[in-house]
């Protein structure tokens, strides 16, 4: 516990952004993305399957662009708040996310991650085993639909990025509402210009494919970094911010190329400990902070097992599958009954 109490202080030295590194990251992200987009467009004249090669790689760079946007919403990418806001709004147009709206929801996510009494904003819909068993059939069916991988990683990007992000939340402040309107107008303008330049069919084939791949990857990253077997969930009275960060956010150990394309977000435990650490310093903070060597770690292979985790079992403090809940219910129902008295 002594180590846990000093963790935030231990990573404080890594919270300062470096303008040179930030600018270089913009160049080595936007530059390759534009080049790959153009290459994909040119490849369409030969074959869509050939174009898929640069499309898939470009989707990785779009994911990296989202991480830059993400850092800007935490005001950690540049020292200047204004610079973060300007770049964040631009990256929000390219990734289809309104800067202020998403920043608001994501801040709540950081403040409530793993808190059973404060679920519902900026997180993945999660029910406990008890809640699921007591829920009406309509809610259970809706939850099963939501948790279906095809829905979550296929329809999810379409709903969240294209639809949900286009509308302001209830009671949003004027500044937030205006930023959403501005983002929407700029998105329409960029799409219109690209359709005029390359044709709407080519635009949909290239950007639509990049969007779907990147969107699915983005949702997968968010999902797997909080949905692993022995994650962390507690009621508000027992909830601890540091424990939620180091036990409820995984270290997703990825191959170096994937780590680069995902902007080091695999070091999610470090990010949750301090959102002010820019993405290019997350790995350094992890390696130089001894207690973080023992955080929950998942690999690309083992992370696939997270697909079976659907419900949080508050009794054993683990994620479980629907099948496990069904099996336990059967065992309970066939338990020996007392013999009737004669």
C-alpha atoms as a PDB file:
ATOM      1  CA  UNK A   1       0.000   0.000   0.000  1.00  0.00           C
ATOM      2  CA  UNK A   2       2.956   2.315   0.648  1.00  0.00           C
ATOM      3  CA  UNK A   3       4.055   1.839  -2.959  1.00  0.00           C
ATOM      4  CA  UNK A   4       0.525   2.454  -4.211  1.00  0.00           C
ATOM      5  CA  UNK A   5       0.281   5.734  -2.297  1.00  0.00           C
ATOM      6  CA  UNK A   6       3.461   7.040  -3.915  1.00  0.00           C
ATOM      7  CA  UNK A   7       2.740   5.805  -7.437  1.00  0.00           C
ATOM      8  CA  UNK A   8       1.265   9.059  -8.707  1.00  0.00           C
ATOM      9  CA  UNK A   9       4.300  10.926  -7.379  1.00  0.00           C
ATOM     10  CA  UNK A  10       6.629   8.386  -8.999  1.00  0.00           C
ATOM     11  CA  UNK A  11       5.272   9.045 -12.488  1.00  0.00           C
ATOM     12  CA  UNK A  12       4.959  12.825 -12.080  1.00  0.00           C
ATOM     13  CA  UNK A  13       8.352  13.456 -13.799  1.00  0.00           C
ATOM     14  CA  UNK A  14       6.928  11.980 -17.012  1.00  0.00           C
ATOM     15  CA  UNK A  15       3.927  14.331 -17.158  1.00  0.00           C
ATOM     16  CA  UNK A  16       5.682  17.093 -19.071  1.00  0.00           C
ATOM     17  CA  UNK A  17       5.195  17.131 -22.839  1.00  0.00           C
ATOM     18  CA  UNK A  18       8.045  17.926 -25.217  1.00  0.00           C
ATOM     19  CA  UNK A  19       7.155  20.189 -28.137  1.00  0.00           C
ATOM     20  CA  UNK A  20       9.794  18.631 -30.399  1.00  0.00           C
ATOM     21  CA  UNK A  21       8.482  15.099 -29.797  1.00  0.00           C
ATOM     22  CA  UNK A  22       4.870  16.206 -30.196  1.00  0.00           C
ATOM     23  CA  UNK A  23       5.547  17.924 -33.534  1.00  0.00           C
ATOM     24  CA  UNK A  24       7.525  14.934 -34.767  1.00  0.00           C
ATOM     25  CA  UNK A  25       4.649  12.628 -33.858  1.00  0.00           C
ATOM     26  CA  UNK A  26       2.238  14.773 -35.872  1.00  0.00           C
ATOM     27  CA  UNK A  27       4.581  14.556 -38.877  1.00  0.00           C
ATOM     28  CA  UNK A  28       5.203  10.807 -38.636  1.00  0.00           C
ATOM     29  CA  UNK A  29       1.469  10.164 -38.266  1.00  0.00           C
ATOM     30  CA  UNK A  30      -0.247  12.532 -40.710  1.00  0.00           C
ATOM     31  CA  UNK A  31       2.466  12.207 -43.390  1.00  0.00           C
ATOM     32  CA  UNK A  32       2.246   8.403 -43.778  1.00  0.00           C
ATOM     33  CA  UNK A  33      -1.559   8.495 -43.507  1.00  0.00           C
ATOM     34  CA  UNK A  34      -1.929  10.929 -46.425  1.00  0.00           C
ATOM     35  CA  UNK A  35       0.595   8.961 -48.503  1.00  0.00           C
ATOM     36  CA  UNK A  36      -1.140   5.634 -47.803  1.00  0.00           C
ATOM     37  CA  UNK A  37      -4.556   7.141 -48.565  1.00  0.00           C
ATOM     38  CA  UNK A  38      -3.313   8.352 -51.950  1.00  0.00           C
ATOM     39  CA  UNK A  39      -1.680   4.986 -52.639  1.00  0.00           C
ATOM     40  CA  UNK A  40      -4.925   3.173 -51.794  1.00  0.00           C
ATOM     41  CA  UNK A  41      -6.859   5.466 -54.132  1.00  0.00           C
ATOM     42  CA  UNK A  42      -4.404   4.850 -56.969  1.00  0.00           C
ATOM     43  CA  UNK A  43      -4.546   1.093 -56.350  1.00  0.00           C
ATOM     44  CA  UNK A  44      -8.318   1.055 -56.884  1.00  0.00           C
ATOM     45  CA  UNK A  45      -7.757   1.352 -60.634  1.00  0.00           C
ATOM     46  CA  UNK A  46      -6.070  -2.068 -60.486  1.00  0.00           C
ATOM     47  CA  UNK A  47      -7.968  -3.883 -57.739  1.00  0.00           C
ATOM     48  CA  UNK A  48      -9.732  -3.200 -54.448  1.00  0.00           C
ATOM     49  CA  UNK A  49      -7.899  -6.179 -52.969  1.00  0.00           C
ATOM     50  CA  UNK A  50      -4.588  -4.541 -53.842  1.00  0.00           C
ATOM     51  CA  UNK A  51      -5.831  -1.282 -52.296  1.00  0.00           C
ATOM     52  CA  UNK A  52      -6.592  -3.175 -49.062  1.00  0.00           C
ATOM     53  CA  UNK A  53      -2.879  -3.345 -48.251  1.00  0.00           C
ATOM     54  CA  UNK A  54      -2.374   0.446 -47.852  1.00  0.00           C
ATOM     55  CA  UNK A  55      -5.928   0.711 -46.448  1.00  0.00           C
ATOM     56  CA  UNK A  56      -5.132  -1.625 -43.535  1.00  0.00           C
ATOM     57  CA  UNK A  57      -1.888   0.184 -42.756  1.00  0.00           C
ATOM     58  CA  UNK A  58      -3.623   3.569 -43.051  1.00  0.00           C
ATOM     59  CA  UNK A  59      -6.222   2.347 -40.534  1.00  0.00           C
ATOM     60  CA  UNK A  60      -3.361   1.853 -38.099  1.00  0.00           C
ATOM     61  CA  UNK A  61      -2.230   5.439 -38.608  1.00  0.00           C
ATOM     62  CA  UNK A  62      -5.807   6.690 -38.145  1.00  0.00           C
ATOM     63  CA  UNK A  63      -5.806   4.874 -34.791  1.00  0.00           C
ATOM     64  CA  UNK A  64      -2.548   6.667 -33.974  1.00  0.00           C
ATOM     65  CA  UNK A  65      -4.219   9.965 -34.925  1.00  0.00           C
ATOM     66  CA  UNK A  66      -6.985   9.223 -32.454  1.00  0.00           C
ATOM     67  CA  UNK A  67      -4.400   8.768 -29.685  1.00  0.00           C
ATOM     68  CA  UNK A  68      -3.049  12.245 -30.465  1.00  0.00           C
ATOM     69  CA  UNK A  69      -6.624  13.561 -30.300  1.00  0.00           C
ATOM     70  CA  UNK A  70      -7.047  11.672 -27.023  1.00  0.00           C
ATOM     71  CA  UNK A  71      -3.924  13.283 -25.531  1.00  0.00           C
ATOM     72  CA  UNK A  72      -5.140  16.710 -26.610  1.00  0.00           C
ATOM     73  CA  UNK A  73      -8.432  16.222 -24.724  1.00  0.00           C
ATOM     74  CA  UNK A  74      -6.331  15.593 -21.602  1.00  0.00           C
ATOM     75  CA  UNK A  75      -4.278  18.724 -22.477  1.00  0.00           C
ATOM     76  CA  UNK A  76      -1.132  16.585 -22.296  1.00  0.00           C
ATOM     77  CA  UNK A  77       0.131  16.720 -25.885  1.00  0.00           C
ATOM     78  CA  UNK A  78       1.317  20.346 -25.755  1.00  0.00           C
ATOM     79  CA  UNK A  79       2.074  22.643 -22.840  1.00  0.00           C
ATOM     80  CA  UNK A  80      -0.362  25.212 -24.244  1.00  0.00           C
ATOM     81  CA  UNK A  81      -4.060  24.506 -23.629  1.00  0.00           C
ATOM     82  CA  UNK A  82      -4.909  26.513 -26.735  1.00  0.00           C
ATOM     83  CA  UNK A  83      -2.544  24.417 -28.882  1.00  0.00           C
ATOM     84  CA  UNK A  84      -4.126  21.245 -27.508  1.00  0.00           C
ATOM     85  CA  UNK A  85      -7.595  22.563 -28.283  1.00  0.00           C
ATOM     86  CA  UNK A  86      -6.742  23.592 -31.865  1.00  0.00           C
ATOM     87  CA  UNK A  87      -4.925  20.371 -32.741  1.00  0.00           C
ATOM     88  CA  UNK A  88      -7.525  18.305 -30.871  1.00  0.00           C
ATOM     89  CA  UNK A  89     -10.362  19.857 -32.879  1.00  0.00           C
ATOM     90  CA  UNK A  90      -8.520  19.186 -36.158  1.00  0.00           C
ATOM     91  CA  UNK A  91      -7.809  15.576 -35.171  1.00  0.00           C
ATOM     92  CA  UNK A  92     -11.421  15.311 -34.040  1.00  0.00           C
ATOM     93  CA  UNK A  93     -12.559  16.171 -37.563  1.00  0.00           C
ATOM     94  CA  UNK A  94     -10.296  13.485 -39.033  1.00  0.00           C
ATOM     95  CA  UNK A  95     -11.387  10.863 -36.492  1.00  0.00           C
ATOM     96  CA  UNK A  96     -15.056  12.014 -36.298  1.00  0.00           C
ATOM     97  CA  UNK A  97     -14.939  12.954 -32.596  1.00  0.00           C
ATOM     98  CA  UNK A  98     -16.047  16.349 -31.187  1.00  0.00           C
ATOM     99  CA  UNK A  99     -13.249  17.622 -28.933  1.00  0.00           C
ATOM    100  CA  UNK A 100     -15.257  19.007 -26.009  1.00  0.00           C
ATOM    101  CA  UNK A 101     -17.997  16.388 -25.955  1.00  0.00           C
ATOM    102  CA  UNK A 102     -15.657  13.418 -25.940  1.00  0.00           C
ATOM    103  CA  UNK A 103     -13.272  15.139 -23.548  1.00  0.00           C
ATOM    104  CA  UNK A 104     -16.121  15.604 -21.059  1.00  0.00           C
ATOM    105  CA  UNK A 105     -17.232  11.957 -21.214  1.00  0.00           C
ATOM    106  CA  UNK A 106     -13.677  10.652 -21.083  1.00  0.00           C
ATOM    107  CA  UNK A 107     -12.859  12.717 -18.012  1.00  0.00           C
ATOM    108  CA  UNK A 108     -15.816  11.092 -16.250  1.00  0.00           C
ATOM    109  CA  UNK A 109     -14.543   7.691 -17.384  1.00  0.00           C
ATOM    110  CA  UNK A 110     -11.199   8.345 -15.691  1.00  0.00           C
ATOM    111  CA  UNK A 111     -12.877   9.531 -12.505  1.00  0.00           C
ATOM    112  CA  UNK A 112     -15.258   6.565 -12.268  1.00  0.00           C
ATOM    113  CA  UNK A 113     -13.567   3.595 -13.986  1.00  0.00           C
ATOM    114  CA  UNK A 114     -14.253   0.461 -11.949  1.00  0.00           C
ATOM    115  CA  UNK A 115     -16.770   2.208  -9.688  1.00  0.00           C
ATOM    116  CA  UNK A 116     -19.920   0.062  -9.600  1.00  0.00           C
ATOM    117  CA  UNK A 117     -22.039   2.966  -8.339  1.00  0.00           C
ATOM    118  CA  UNK A 118     -20.967   5.373 -11.071  1.00  0.00           C
ATOM    119  CA  UNK A 119     -21.230   3.382 -14.295  1.00  0.00           C
ATOM    120  CA  UNK A 120     -22.785   4.676 -17.483  1.00  0.00           C
ATOM    121  CA  UNK A 121     -20.672   7.532 -18.881  1.00  0.00           C
ATOM    122  CA  UNK A 122     -17.733   6.970 -21.211  1.00  0.00           C
ATOM    123  CA  UNK A 123     -17.484   3.275 -20.418  1.00  0.00           C
ATOM    124  CA  UNK A 124     -18.596  -0.117 -21.732  1.00  0.00           C
ATOM    125  CA  UNK A 125     -22.009  -1.242 -20.516  1.00  0.00           C
ATOM    126  CA  UNK A 126     -21.261  -3.777 -17.786  1.00  0.00           C
ATOM    127  CA  UNK A 127     -23.721  -5.643 -15.582  1.00  0.00           C
ATOM    128  CA  UNK A 128     -22.916  -7.694 -12.529  1.00  0.00           C
ATOM    129  CA  UNK A 129     -24.063 -11.309 -12.330  1.00  0.00           C
ATOM    130  CA  UNK A 130     -26.682 -10.357  -9.745  1.00  0.00           C
ATOM    131  CA  UNK A 131     -28.014  -7.467 -11.853  1.00  0.00           C
ATOM    132  CA  UNK A 132     -28.227  -9.700 -14.919  1.00  0.00           C
ATOM    133  CA  UNK A 133     -30.114 -12.443 -13.073  1.00  0.00           C
ATOM    134  CA  UNK A 134     -32.592  -9.953 -11.635  1.00  0.00           C
ATOM    135  CA  UNK A 135     -33.070  -7.997 -14.894  1.00  0.00           C
ATOM    136  CA  UNK A 136     -36.260  -8.413 -16.957  1.00  0.00           C
ATOM    137  CA  UNK A 137     -35.985 -10.497 -20.143  1.00  0.00           C
ATOM    138  CA  UNK A 138     -36.038  -7.390 -22.368  1.00  0.00           C
ATOM    139  CA  UNK A 139     -32.980  -5.925 -20.631  1.00  0.00           C
ATOM    140  CA  UNK A 140     -31.097  -9.238 -20.671  1.00  0.00           C
ATOM    141  CA  UNK A 141     -31.699  -9.593 -24.412  1.00  0.00           C
ATOM    142  CA  UNK A 142     -30.558  -6.004 -25.030  1.00  0.00           C
ATOM    143  CA  UNK A 143     -27.404  -6.642 -22.986  1.00  0.00           C
ATOM    144  CA  UNK A 144     -26.651  -9.848 -24.900  1.00  0.00           C
ATOM    145  CA  UNK A 145     -27.131  -7.974 -28.189  1.00  0.00           C
ATOM    146  CA  UNK A 146     -24.796  -5.183 -27.040  1.00  0.00           C
ATOM    147  CA  UNK A 147     -22.137  -7.667 -25.907  1.00  0.00           C
ATOM    148  CA  UNK A 148     -22.186  -9.652 -29.149  1.00  0.00           C
ATOM    149  CA  UNK A 149     -18.760  -9.199 -30.828  1.00  0.00           C
ATOM    150  CA  UNK A 150     -20.342  -8.535 -34.238  1.00  0.00           C
ATOM    151  CA  UNK A 151     -22.455  -5.757 -32.742  1.00  0.00           C
ATOM    152  CA  UNK A 152     -19.759  -4.290 -30.512  1.00  0.00           C
ATOM    153  CA  UNK A 153     -16.903  -4.280 -33.021  1.00  0.00           C
ATOM    154  CA  UNK A 154     -18.929  -4.145 -36.256  1.00  0.00           C
ATOM    155  CA  UNK A 155     -21.967  -1.956 -35.658  1.00  0.00           C
ATOM    156  CA  UNK A 156     -20.298  -0.178 -32.728  1.00  0.00           C
ATOM    157  CA  UNK A 157     -18.033   2.104 -34.808  1.00  0.00           C
ATOM    158  CA  UNK A 158     -20.944   3.068 -37.072  1.00  0.00           C
ATOM    159  CA  UNK A 159     -23.187   3.980 -34.151  1.00  0.00           C
ATOM    160  CA  UNK A 160     -20.598   5.757 -31.991  1.00  0.00           C
ATOM    161  CA  UNK A 161     -18.517   7.565 -34.614  1.00  0.00           C
ATOM    162  CA  UNK A 162     -21.079   8.367 -37.304  1.00  0.00           C
ATOM    163  CA  UNK A 163     -24.273   8.819 -35.242  1.00  0.00           C
ATOM    164  CA  UNK A 164     -23.733   9.384 -31.513  1.00  0.00           C
ATOM    165  CA  UNK A 165     -20.860  11.842 -31.979  1.00  0.00           C
ATOM    166  CA  UNK A 166     -22.934  14.061 -34.243  1.00  0.00           C
ATOM    167  CA  UNK A 167     -25.340  15.091 -31.480  1.00  0.00           C
ATOM    168  CA  UNK A 168     -24.761  17.027 -28.272  1.00  0.00           C
ATOM    169  CA  UNK A 169     -25.470  15.426 -24.937  1.00  0.00           C
ATOM    170  CA  UNK A 170     -28.289  16.749 -22.803  1.00  0.00           C
ATOM    171  CA  UNK A 171     -27.377  19.842 -20.736  1.00  0.00           C
ATOM    172  CA  UNK A 172     -24.148  20.412 -22.686  1.00  0.00           C
ATOM    173  CA  UNK A 173     -22.693  23.878 -22.241  1.00  0.00           C
ATOM    174  CA  UNK A 174     -22.675  26.381 -25.103  1.00  0.00           C
ATOM    175  CA  UNK A 175     -18.938  25.983 -25.710  1.00  0.00           C
ATOM    176  CA  UNK A 176     -19.302  22.218 -26.022  1.00  0.00           C
ATOM    177  CA  UNK A 177     -22.353  22.473 -28.282  1.00  0.00           C
ATOM    178  CA  UNK A 178     -20.603  24.954 -30.587  1.00  0.00           C
ATOM    179  CA  UNK A 179     -17.548  22.707 -30.835  1.00  0.00           C
ATOM    180  CA  UNK A 180     -19.762  19.796 -31.912  1.00  0.00           C
ATOM    181  CA  UNK A 181     -21.459  21.970 -34.541  1.00  0.00           C
ATOM    182  CA  UNK A 182     -18.068  23.196 -35.807  1.00  0.00           C
ATOM    183  CA  UNK A 183     -16.734  19.637 -35.995  1.00  0.00           C
ATOM    184  CA  UNK A 184     -19.790  18.474 -37.950  1.00  0.00           C
ATOM    185  CA  UNK A 185     -19.543  21.350 -40.440  1.00  0.00           C
ATOM    186  CA  UNK A 186     -15.822  20.718 -41.000  1.00  0.00           C
ATOM    187  CA  UNK A 187     -16.422  16.980 -41.485  1.00  0.00           C
ATOM    188  CA  UNK A 188     -19.048  17.687 -44.145  1.00  0.00           C
ATOM    189  CA  UNK A 189     -16.698  20.159 -45.863  1.00  0.00           C
ATOM    190  CA  UNK A 190     -13.744  17.724 -45.908  1.00  0.00           C
ATOM    191  CA  UNK A 191     -15.915  14.859 -47.165  1.00  0.00           C
ATOM    192  CA  UNK A 192     -17.427  17.057 -49.884  1.00  0.00           C
ATOM    193  CA  UNK A 193     -14.005  18.208 -51.093  1.00  0.00           C
ATOM    194  CA  UNK A 194     -12.630  14.669 -51.203  1.00  0.00           C
ATOM    195  CA  UNK A 195     -15.707  13.387 -53.033  1.00  0.00           C
ATOM    196  CA  UNK A 196     -15.283  16.142 -55.626  1.00  0.00           C
ATOM    197  CA  UNK A 197     -11.581  15.336 -55.957  1.00  0.00           C
ATOM    198  CA  UNK A 198     -11.701  11.521 -56.216  1.00  0.00           C
ATOM    199  CA  UNK A 199     -15.395  10.669 -56.664  1.00  0.00           C
ATOM    200  CA  UNK A 200     -17.791   9.527 -53.986  1.00  0.00           C
ATOM    201  CA  UNK A 201     -17.407   5.833 -54.865  1.00  0.00           C
ATOM    202  CA  UNK A 202     -13.626   5.915 -54.463  1.00  0.00           C
ATOM    203  CA  UNK A 203     -13.953   7.966 -51.283  1.00  0.00           C
ATOM    204  CA  UNK A 204     -16.335   5.441 -49.727  1.00  0.00           C
ATOM    205  CA  UNK A 205     -14.177   2.484 -50.732  1.00  0.00           C
ATOM    206  CA  UNK A 206     -10.991   3.990 -49.300  1.00  0.00           C
ATOM    207  CA  UNK A 207     -12.111   6.062 -46.318  1.00  0.00           C
ATOM    208  CA  UNK A 208     -15.046   3.792 -45.489  1.00  0.00           C
ATOM    209  CA  UNK A 209     -12.735   0.781 -45.258  1.00  0.00           C
ATOM    210  CA  UNK A 210     -10.140   2.694 -43.227  1.00  0.00           C
ATOM    211  CA  UNK A 211     -12.858   3.920 -40.891  1.00  0.00           C
ATOM    212  CA  UNK A 212     -14.364   0.485 -40.257  1.00  0.00           C
ATOM    213  CA  UNK A 213     -11.001  -1.178 -39.572  1.00  0.00           C
ATOM    214  CA  UNK A 214      -9.716   1.637 -37.373  1.00  0.00           C
ATOM    215  CA  UNK A 215     -13.036   1.970 -35.552  1.00  0.00           C
ATOM    216  CA  UNK A 216     -13.149  -1.729 -34.739  1.00  0.00           C
ATOM    217  CA  UNK A 217      -9.548  -1.635 -33.522  1.00  0.00           C
ATOM    218  CA  UNK A 218     -10.277   1.408 -31.363  1.00  0.00           C
ATOM    219  CA  UNK A 219     -13.266  -0.196 -29.663  1.00  0.00           C
ATOM    220  CA  UNK A 220     -11.303  -3.436 -29.208  1.00  0.00           C
ATOM    221  CA  UNK A 221      -8.460  -1.568 -27.493  1.00  0.00           C
ATOM    222  CA  UNK A 222     -10.844   0.184 -25.110  1.00  0.00           C
ATOM    223  CA  UNK A 223     -12.692  -3.079 -24.446  1.00  0.00           C
ATOM    224  CA  UNK A 224      -9.695  -5.303 -23.762  1.00  0.00           C
ATOM    225  CA  UNK A 225      -7.954  -2.746 -21.550  1.00  0.00           C
ATOM    226  CA  UNK A 226     -10.798  -2.885 -19.038  1.00  0.00           C
ATOM    227  CA  UNK A 227     -12.322  -6.315 -19.672  1.00  0.00           C
ATOM    228  CA  UNK A 228      -9.966  -9.005 -18.452  1.00  0.00           C
ATOM    229  CA  UNK A 229     -10.603 -11.791 -15.977  1.00  0.00           C
ATOM    230  CA  UNK A 230      -9.370 -10.299 -12.702  1.00  0.00           C
ATOM    231  CA  UNK A 231     -10.122  -6.656 -13.411  1.00  0.00           C
ATOM    232  CA  UNK A 232     -11.203  -4.173 -10.738  1.00  0.00           C
ATOM    233  CA  UNK A 233     -14.728  -3.157  -9.745  1.00  0.00           C
ATOM    234  CA  UNK A 234     -15.836  -1.937  -6.326  1.00  0.00           C
ATOM    235  CA  UNK A 235     -18.736  -0.060  -4.802  1.00  0.00           C
ATOM    236  CA  UNK A 236     -18.099   3.634  -4.221  1.00  0.00           C
ATOM    237  CA  UNK A 237     -17.292   3.277  -0.502  1.00  0.00           C
ATOM    238  CA  UNK A 238     -14.508   0.774  -1.291  1.00  0.00           C
ATOM    239  CA  UNK A 239     -13.346   2.260  -4.601  1.00  0.00           C
ATOM    240  CA  UNK A 240      -9.752   3.551  -4.847  1.00  0.00           C
ATOM    241  CA  UNK A 241      -8.500   5.634  -7.782  1.00  0.00           C
ATOM    242  CA  UNK A 242      -4.971   4.188  -7.817  1.00  0.00           C
ATOM    243  CA  UNK A 243      -6.175   0.595  -7.480  1.00  0.00           C
ATOM    244  CA  UNK A 244      -8.691   1.173 -10.279  1.00  0.00           C
ATOM    245  CA  UNK A 245      -5.821   2.413 -12.461  1.00  0.00           C
ATOM    246  CA  UNK A 246      -3.262  -0.353 -11.799  1.00  0.00           C
ATOM    247  CA  UNK A 247      -5.670  -3.280 -11.362  1.00  0.00           C
ATOM    248  CA  UNK A 248      -8.594  -2.217 -13.569  1.00  0.00           C
ATOM    249  CA  UNK A 249      -6.527  -1.062 -16.568  1.00  0.00           C
ATOM    250  CA  UNK A 250      -4.358  -3.648 -18.269  1.00  0.00           C
ATOM    251  CA  UNK A 251      -0.860  -3.476 -19.684  1.00  0.00           C
ATOM    252  CA  UNK A 252      -1.565  -4.638 -23.239  1.00  0.00           C
ATOM    253  CA  UNK A 253       1.830  -5.897 -24.375  1.00  0.00           C
ATOM    254  CA  UNK A 254       1.829  -5.547 -28.162  1.00  0.00           C
ATOM    255  CA  UNK A 255       4.441  -6.153 -30.893  1.00  0.00           C
ATOM    256  CA  UNK A 256       6.501  -3.022 -31.523  1.00  0.00           C
ATOM    257  CA  UNK A 257       4.790  -2.099 -34.815  1.00  0.00           C
ATOM    258  CA  UNK A 258       1.330  -2.374 -33.266  1.00  0.00           C
ATOM    259  CA  UNK A 259       2.545  -0.466 -30.211  1.00  0.00           C
ATOM    260  CA  UNK A 260       3.678   2.330 -32.539  1.00  0.00           C
ATOM    261  CA  UNK A 261       0.411   2.418 -34.500  1.00  0.00           C
ATOM    262  CA  UNK A 262      -1.680   2.418 -31.310  1.00  0.00           C
ATOM    263  CA  UNK A 263       0.314   5.256 -29.781  1.00  0.00           C
ATOM    264  CA  UNK A 264       1.522   3.260 -26.753  1.00  0.00           C
ATOM    265  CA  UNK A 265      -2.027   3.115 -25.396  1.00  0.00           C
ATOM    266  CA  UNK A 266      -1.297  -0.469 -24.341  1.00  0.00           C
ATOM    267  CA  UNK A 267       0.358   1.107 -21.287  1.00  0.00           C
ATOM    268  CA  UNK A 268      -3.158   1.914 -20.174  1.00  0.00           C
ATOM    269  CA  UNK A 269      -2.422   1.534 -16.469  1.00  0.00           C
ATOM    270  CA  UNK A 270       0.073   4.400 -16.683  1.00  0.00           C
ATOM    271  CA  UNK A 271      -2.423   6.532 -18.579  1.00  0.00           C
ATOM    272  CA  UNK A 272      -5.102   5.955 -15.942  1.00  0.00           C
ATOM    273  CA  UNK A 273      -2.678   6.750 -13.135  1.00  0.00           C
ATOM    274  CA  UNK A 274      -1.925  10.077 -14.778  1.00  0.00           C
ATOM    275  CA  UNK A 275      -3.695  11.272 -17.958  1.00  0.00           C
ATOM    276  CA  UNK A 276      -1.149  14.102 -18.125  1.00  0.00           C
ATOM    277  CA  UNK A 277       1.602  11.742 -19.305  1.00  0.00           C
ATOM    278  CA  UNK A 278       1.794  12.159 -23.123  1.00  0.00           C
ATOM    279  CA  UNK A 279       1.538   8.921 -25.096  1.00  0.00           C
ATOM    280  CA  UNK A 280       5.192   9.000 -26.158  1.00  0.00           C
ATOM    281  CA  UNK A 281       6.304   8.865 -22.496  1.00  0.00           C
ATOM    282  CA  UNK A 282       3.984   6.078 -21.297  1.00  0.00           C
ATOM    283  CA  UNK A 283       6.482   3.270 -21.941  1.00  0.00           C
ATOM    284  CA  UNK A 284       9.290   5.179 -20.234  1.00  0.00           C
ATOM    285  CA  UNK A 285       7.091   5.810 -17.195  1.00  0.00           C
ATOM    286  CA  UNK A 286       6.173   2.120 -17.020  1.00  0.00           C
ATOM    287  CA  UNK A 287       9.765   0.880 -17.267  1.00  0.00           C
ATOM    288  CA  UNK A 288      11.062   3.319 -14.647  1.00  0.00           C
ATOM    289  CA  UNK A 289       8.392   2.721 -12.007  1.00  0.00           C
ATOM    290  CA  UNK A 290       9.087  -0.533 -10.138  1.00  0.00           C
ATOM    291  CA  UNK A 291       5.555  -1.291  -8.793  1.00  0.00           C
ATOM    292  CA  UNK A 292       4.149  -1.110 -12.327  1.00  0.00           C
ATOM    293  CA  UNK A 293       6.107  -4.211 -13.328  1.00  0.00           C
ATOM    294  CA  UNK A 294       3.465  -6.291 -11.539  1.00  0.00           C
ATOM    295  CA  UNK A 295       0.262  -4.870 -13.075  1.00  0.00           C
ATOM    296  CA  UNK A 296      -2.171  -7.144 -14.980  1.00  0.00           C
ATOM    297  CA  UNK A 297      -0.487  -7.943 -18.305  1.00  0.00           C
ATOM    298  CA  UNK A 298      -2.128  -9.381 -21.400  1.00  0.00           C
ATOM    299  CA  UNK A 299      -0.634 -10.261 -24.766  1.00  0.00           C
ATOM    300  CA  UNK A 300      -2.130 -10.183 -28.239  1.00  0.00           C
ATOM    301  CA  UNK A 301      -2.869 -13.917 -27.964  1.00  0.00           C
ATOM    302  CA  UNK A 302      -4.251 -13.991 -24.424  1.00  0.00           C
ATOM    303  CA  UNK A 303      -6.378 -10.880 -25.011  1.00  0.00           C
ATOM    304  CA  UNK A 304      -8.649 -12.855 -27.336  1.00  0.00           C
ATOM    305  CA  UNK A 305      -9.913 -14.694 -24.256  1.00  0.00           C
ATOM    306  CA  UNK A 306     -11.560 -11.457 -23.137  1.00  0.00           C
ATOM    307  CA  UNK A 307     -14.284 -12.021 -25.722  1.00  0.00           C
ATOM    308  CA  UNK A 308     -15.922 -14.567 -23.423  1.00  0.00           C
ATOM    309  CA  UNK A 309     -16.147 -12.165 -20.464  1.00  0.00           C
ATOM    310  CA  UNK A 310     -19.631 -10.706 -20.274  1.00  0.00           C
ATOM    311  CA  UNK A 311     -20.555 -10.123 -16.617  1.00  0.00           C
ATOM    312  CA  UNK A 312     -18.755  -8.997 -13.485  1.00  0.00           C
ATOM    313  CA  UNK A 313     -19.092 -11.455 -10.604  1.00  0.00           C
ATOM    314  CA  UNK A 314     -18.880  -9.325  -7.481  1.00  0.00           C
ATOM    315  CA  UNK A 315     -18.553 -12.371  -5.230  1.00  0.00           C
ATOM    316  CA  UNK A 316     -15.369 -13.787  -6.784  1.00  0.00           C
ATOM    317  CA  UNK A 317     -14.135 -10.429  -8.188  1.00  0.00           C
ATOM    318  CA  UNK A 318     -13.786 -11.767 -11.729  1.00  0.00           C
ATOM    319  CA  UNK A 319     -15.358 -11.404 -15.146  1.00  0.00           C
ATOM    320  CA  UNK A 320     -17.347 -14.463 -16.190  1.00  0.00           C
ATOM    321  CA  UNK A 321     -19.174 -15.681 -19.281  1.00  0.00           C
ATOM    322  CA  UNK A 322     -22.916 -16.031 -19.835  1.00  0.00           C
ATOM    323  CA  UNK A 323     -22.331 -19.782 -19.933  1.00  0.00           C
ATOM    324  CA  UNK A 324     -20.746 -19.773 -16.468  1.00  0.00           C
ATOM    325  CA  UNK A 325     -23.756 -17.946 -15.022  1.00  0.00           C
ATOM    326  CA  UNK A 326     -26.137 -20.383 -16.698  1.00  0.00           C
ATOM    327  CA  UNK A 327     -24.164 -23.350 -15.359  1.00  0.00           C
ATOM    328  CA  UNK A 328     -24.140 -22.002 -11.809  1.00  0.00           C
ATOM    329  CA  UNK A 329     -27.917 -21.435 -12.018  1.00  0.00           C
ATOM    330  CA  UNK A 330     -28.452 -25.059 -13.051  1.00  0.00           C
ATOM    331  CA  UNK A 331     -26.334 -26.308 -10.170  1.00  0.00           C
ATOM    332  CA  UNK A 332     -28.389 -24.239  -7.778  1.00  0.00           C
ATOM    333  CA  UNK A 333     -31.678 -25.484  -9.231  1.00  0.00           C
ATOM    334  CA  UNK A 334     -30.752 -29.183  -8.871  1.00  0.00           C
ATOM    335  CA  UNK A 335     -29.411 -28.893  -5.340  1.00  0.00           C
ATOM    336  CA  UNK A 336     -30.729 -31.690  -3.065  1.00  0.00           C
ATOM    337  CA  UNK A 337     -33.991 -30.802  -1.380  1.00  0.00           C
ATOM    338  CA  UNK A 338     -35.080 -31.799   2.055  1.00  0.00           C
ATOM    339  CA  UNK A 339     -37.188 -34.933   2.160  1.00  0.00           C
ATOM    340  CA  UNK A 340     -40.880 -34.273   2.794  1.00  0.00           C
ATOM    341  CA  UNK A 341     -42.121 -35.181   6.231  1.00  0.00           C
ATOM    342  CA  UNK A 342     -44.646 -38.030   6.474  1.00  0.00           C
END
